[in-house]
N, C-alpha and C. Protein backbone atom coordinates (compact mmCIF):
# COMPACT_ATOMS: atom_id res chain seq x y z
N MET A 1 121.55 114.66 132.47
CA MET A 1 121.58 113.72 132.84
C MET A 1 120.21 113.96 130.86
N SER A 2 120.43 113.57 129.71
CA SER A 2 119.66 113.95 128.54
C SER A 2 118.68 113.20 129.15
N GLU A 3 117.18 113.92 128.44
CA GLU A 3 115.73 113.21 128.08
C GLU A 3 115.73 112.46 127.01
N ARG A 4 115.13 111.50 126.55
CA ARG A 4 115.20 110.87 125.55
C ARG A 4 113.57 111.12 124.75
N THR A 5 113.62 112.18 123.46
CA THR A 5 112.25 112.70 122.89
C THR A 5 111.58 111.57 122.32
N VAL A 6 110.99 110.89 121.76
CA VAL A 6 110.32 109.61 121.05
C VAL A 6 108.55 110.68 120.61
N VAL A 7 109.13 110.59 118.99
CA VAL A 7 108.03 111.00 118.65
C VAL A 7 107.30 109.82 117.76
N ALA A 8 105.37 110.23 117.99
CA ALA A 8 104.78 108.49 117.92
C ALA A 8 104.58 109.31 116.13
N VAL A 9 104.46 108.64 114.83
CA VAL A 9 104.03 108.76 113.58
C VAL A 9 103.84 106.84 113.51
N PRO A 10 102.38 107.69 112.99
CA PRO A 10 101.09 106.66 112.19
C PRO A 10 101.94 105.98 111.06
N ARG A 11 102.11 104.48 111.10
CA ARG A 11 102.16 104.05 109.58
C ARG A 11 100.73 104.49 108.70
N LYS A 12 101.05 104.17 107.25
CA LYS A 12 100.14 104.54 106.50
C LYS A 12 99.74 102.57 106.05
N SER A 13 98.14 102.82 105.92
CA SER A 13 98.31 101.12 105.40
C SER A 13 98.52 100.92 104.02
N VAL A 14 98.98 100.38 103.31
CA VAL A 14 99.44 99.42 101.96
C VAL A 14 97.45 99.13 101.97
N GLY A 15 97.54 98.41 103.20
CA GLY A 15 95.41 97.65 102.43
C GLY A 15 94.69 98.77 102.28
N LEU A 16 94.13 99.95 102.80
CA LEU A 16 93.34 101.66 103.36
C LEU A 16 93.58 101.75 102.21
N SER A 17 94.89 101.74 101.62
CA SER A 17 95.48 102.81 100.34
C SER A 17 94.82 102.10 98.99
N LEU A 18 94.56 100.49 99.32
CA LEU A 18 94.26 100.16 98.12
C LEU A 18 92.84 99.82 97.81
N VAL A 19 92.39 100.26 99.05
CA VAL A 19 90.65 100.21 99.11
C VAL A 19 90.14 101.64 98.93
N LEU A 20 91.02 102.89 99.58
CA LEU A 20 90.88 103.87 99.19
C LEU A 20 90.51 104.55 97.55
N THR A 21 91.58 103.54 96.91
CA THR A 21 91.73 103.94 95.29
C THR A 21 91.06 103.08 94.17
N PHE A 22 90.50 101.96 95.23
CA PHE A 22 89.81 100.79 94.34
C PHE A 22 88.63 102.34 94.02
N PHE A 23 87.95 102.28 95.61
CA PHE A 23 87.09 103.02 95.48
C PHE A 23 86.47 104.85 95.05
N PHE A 24 87.62 105.61 95.11
CA PHE A 24 87.58 106.64 94.94
C PHE A 24 88.64 107.30 93.46
N GLY A 25 89.49 106.75 93.11
CA GLY A 25 90.38 106.53 91.90
C GLY A 25 91.63 107.39 93.05
N SER A 26 91.36 108.70 92.36
CA SER A 26 92.84 109.43 91.75
C SER A 26 92.91 110.21 93.36
N LEU A 27 91.36 110.51 94.73
CA LEU A 27 91.19 110.59 94.94
C LEU A 27 91.60 110.16 96.36
N GLY A 28 91.52 108.87 95.94
CA GLY A 28 91.56 108.09 97.31
C GLY A 28 92.98 108.18 97.28
N MET A 29 94.59 108.48 96.60
CA MET A 29 95.98 108.60 96.86
C MET A 29 95.78 109.67 97.63
N LEU A 30 94.85 110.31 98.12
CA LEU A 30 95.22 111.55 98.90
C LEU A 30 95.43 111.11 100.16
N TYR A 31 95.33 109.79 100.57
CA TYR A 31 95.53 109.27 101.67
C TYR A 31 97.34 108.89 102.06
N SER A 32 97.69 108.27 100.98
CA SER A 32 98.85 107.67 100.70
C SER A 32 100.18 109.16 100.04
N THR A 33 99.19 110.04 99.32
CA THR A 33 100.74 110.57 98.54
C THR A 33 99.90 112.03 97.89
N VAL A 34 100.05 113.34 97.97
CA VAL A 34 98.59 114.23 97.70
C VAL A 34 100.02 114.74 96.02
N ALA A 35 101.01 114.86 96.08
CA ALA A 35 101.38 114.93 94.85
C ALA A 35 100.96 114.10 93.78
N GLY A 36 101.56 113.29 93.96
CA GLY A 36 100.62 111.42 92.83
C GLY A 36 99.22 111.91 92.84
N ALA A 37 98.32 112.39 93.79
CA ALA A 37 96.79 112.62 93.80
C ALA A 37 96.96 113.38 93.09
N LEU A 38 97.18 114.78 93.05
CA LEU A 38 96.77 116.02 91.74
C LEU A 38 97.92 115.62 90.92
N ILE A 39 98.64 115.24 90.41
CA ILE A 39 99.15 114.60 89.17
C ILE A 39 97.78 113.56 88.90
N MET A 40 97.43 112.60 89.16
CA MET A 40 96.94 111.70 88.54
C MET A 40 95.14 112.03 88.30
N ILE A 41 94.90 113.13 89.37
CA ILE A 41 93.49 114.29 89.02
C ILE A 41 93.93 114.51 87.71
N ALA A 42 94.89 115.19 87.25
CA ALA A 42 95.09 116.28 85.93
C ALA A 42 95.13 115.25 85.01
N ILE A 43 95.90 114.20 85.24
CA ILE A 43 96.33 113.05 84.26
C ILE A 43 94.43 112.45 83.29
N GLU A 44 93.88 112.11 84.96
CA GLU A 44 92.92 111.20 84.00
C GLU A 44 91.73 112.25 83.87
N PHE A 45 91.77 113.42 84.09
CA PHE A 45 91.06 114.40 83.82
C PHE A 45 91.17 114.66 82.21
N VAL A 46 92.47 114.31 81.34
CA VAL A 46 92.71 114.97 80.07
C VAL A 46 92.69 113.83 80.05
N VAL A 47 92.76 112.18 80.13
CA VAL A 47 92.55 111.14 79.40
C VAL A 47 91.17 110.40 79.04
N GLY A 48 90.96 110.85 80.30
CA GLY A 48 89.28 110.74 80.14
C GLY A 48 88.36 111.75 79.11
N PHE A 49 89.09 113.28 78.96
CA PHE A 49 88.18 113.77 78.35
C PHE A 49 88.65 113.39 76.89
N LEU A 50 89.96 112.69 76.20
CA LEU A 50 89.98 112.90 75.03
C LEU A 50 89.54 110.98 74.42
N THR A 51 89.41 110.10 75.52
CA THR A 51 88.85 108.15 75.53
C THR A 51 87.55 108.49 75.72
N PHE A 52 86.86 109.39 75.78
CA PHE A 52 85.79 109.90 76.40
C PHE A 52 85.00 108.83 77.16
N GLY A 53 86.04 108.45 78.71
CA GLY A 53 85.79 108.21 79.59
C GLY A 53 86.01 106.36 79.87
N ILE A 54 86.40 106.08 78.48
CA ILE A 54 87.49 104.54 78.30
C ILE A 54 89.39 104.36 78.65
N GLY A 55 89.65 104.80 78.44
CA GLY A 55 90.58 105.30 79.41
C GLY A 55 90.70 105.49 81.10
N LEU A 56 89.67 105.72 80.98
CA LEU A 56 90.08 106.01 83.10
C LEU A 56 90.15 104.50 83.65
N PHE A 57 89.16 103.63 82.92
CA PHE A 57 90.00 101.98 83.46
C PHE A 57 91.48 101.60 83.95
N PHE A 58 92.13 101.85 82.79
CA PHE A 58 93.81 102.26 82.73
C PHE A 58 94.81 102.88 83.79
N THR A 59 93.58 104.25 84.04
CA THR A 59 94.21 105.06 84.78
C THR A 59 94.57 104.86 86.33
N HIS A 60 93.04 104.28 86.46
CA HIS A 60 92.47 103.57 87.52
C HIS A 60 93.18 103.09 88.46
N ILE A 61 93.32 102.07 87.32
CA ILE A 61 94.69 100.54 87.78
C ILE A 61 96.14 101.13 88.59
N VAL A 62 96.54 102.50 87.80
CA VAL A 62 97.93 103.20 88.26
C VAL A 62 97.58 103.69 89.40
N CYS A 63 96.23 104.40 89.46
CA CYS A 63 96.09 105.13 91.01
C CYS A 63 96.44 103.94 91.68
N MET A 64 95.68 102.90 91.77
CA MET A 64 96.07 101.79 92.75
C MET A 64 96.94 100.88 93.03
N ILE A 65 97.62 101.32 92.13
CA ILE A 65 99.81 100.92 92.34
C ILE A 65 100.10 101.64 92.65
N TRP A 66 100.14 103.38 92.31
CA TRP A 66 100.99 103.88 93.06
C TRP A 66 100.52 104.35 94.20
N GLY A 67 99.25 104.56 94.92
CA GLY A 67 98.91 104.56 96.14
C GLY A 67 99.84 103.83 96.97
N ALA A 68 99.34 102.20 96.67
CA ALA A 68 99.52 100.75 97.26
C ALA A 68 101.49 101.30 97.28
N VAL A 69 102.20 101.98 96.49
CA VAL A 69 103.84 101.59 96.50
C VAL A 69 103.70 103.02 97.34
N ALA A 70 103.45 104.13 97.34
CA ALA A 70 103.54 105.05 97.98
C ALA A 70 103.44 105.21 99.78
N ALA A 71 103.09 104.11 100.02
CA ALA A 71 101.81 104.52 101.38
C ALA A 71 103.49 103.40 101.83
N SER A 72 103.90 101.95 100.72
CA SER A 72 105.01 101.25 101.23
C SER A 72 106.14 102.12 101.16
N ASN A 73 106.41 103.06 100.86
CA ASN A 73 107.56 103.74 100.26
C ASN A 73 107.45 105.15 101.73
N TYR A 74 106.32 105.21 101.77
CA TYR A 74 106.59 106.18 103.23
C TYR A 74 107.03 105.28 104.60
N ASN A 75 106.07 104.17 104.40
CA ASN A 75 106.69 103.43 105.99
C ASN A 75 107.87 102.57 106.03
N ASN A 76 108.32 102.45 104.46
CA ASN A 76 110.11 102.20 104.89
C ASN A 76 110.78 103.05 104.85
N ARG A 77 110.83 104.60 104.73
CA ARG A 77 111.00 105.27 104.88
C ARG A 77 111.35 106.46 106.12
N VAL A 78 110.48 106.13 106.84
CA VAL A 78 110.00 107.00 107.99
C VAL A 78 110.32 106.01 109.24
N PHE A 79 110.01 104.57 108.91
CA PHE A 79 111.03 103.30 110.07
C PHE A 79 111.60 102.59 109.73
N GLY A 80 112.16 103.17 108.26
CA GLY A 80 113.86 102.21 108.55
C GLY A 80 113.38 100.91 107.98
N GLN A 81 112.62 100.33 107.45
CA GLN A 81 112.44 98.78 107.85
C GLN A 81 112.99 99.09 105.88
């Protein structure tokens, strides 16, 4: 008789990812994608420096989109939906 092992993996909330990236920018992306967050932190540093902070508005929007897509992709990959 074989036993079945069930591994419980929590879902990542797309809504929570959007809220975190809205309030914390690229740091909020750490919830959904660590590699993406590190990339965006570096990009925001360079863009912020070169544009005196004005370009951060656009990178902030990119962070929100990337974080939401990463959380959704994680759920699709793990749960096969």
